[in-house]
């Protein structure tokens, strides 16, 4: 269980999704409903996500699986290898066990379907940030 001090810290989040409206909606939601979340960037593709991870050093990267070019699974593999402190949480419409399993195998610490209730998403982000 996180200490009281850890519970009050701000969590730096990078959103990665190829759909701009999804990123904007998530960004607005996170900023409005969780004062503990600091949105440090948004990326619409894998290459941008890798570059932004290097420059913003997020605590948590919220990663879509299905993107053009470099897919979320590959991006997750790169991030977790190059930036082991960054926790990747998969957030996608895929529910097939194979893709979800591949995301976890690539290094994601959590995976949620995009239909998850908002309060569960916030709890998951905060929990991912507190993992060692």
Foldseek 3Di string as FASTA:
>chain_A
DDDPVLVQAAFEEEEEAQDPVVVVVVVVLCVVPPVSYDHQYYYNDLVVVVVSCVVRVGQEYEAEADHPDDGRLNSLLVCCVVPVNHAYEYEYQDDDPVSVVSSVVSPHPYYDYNVDDPVVVVVVSSVRSPDD
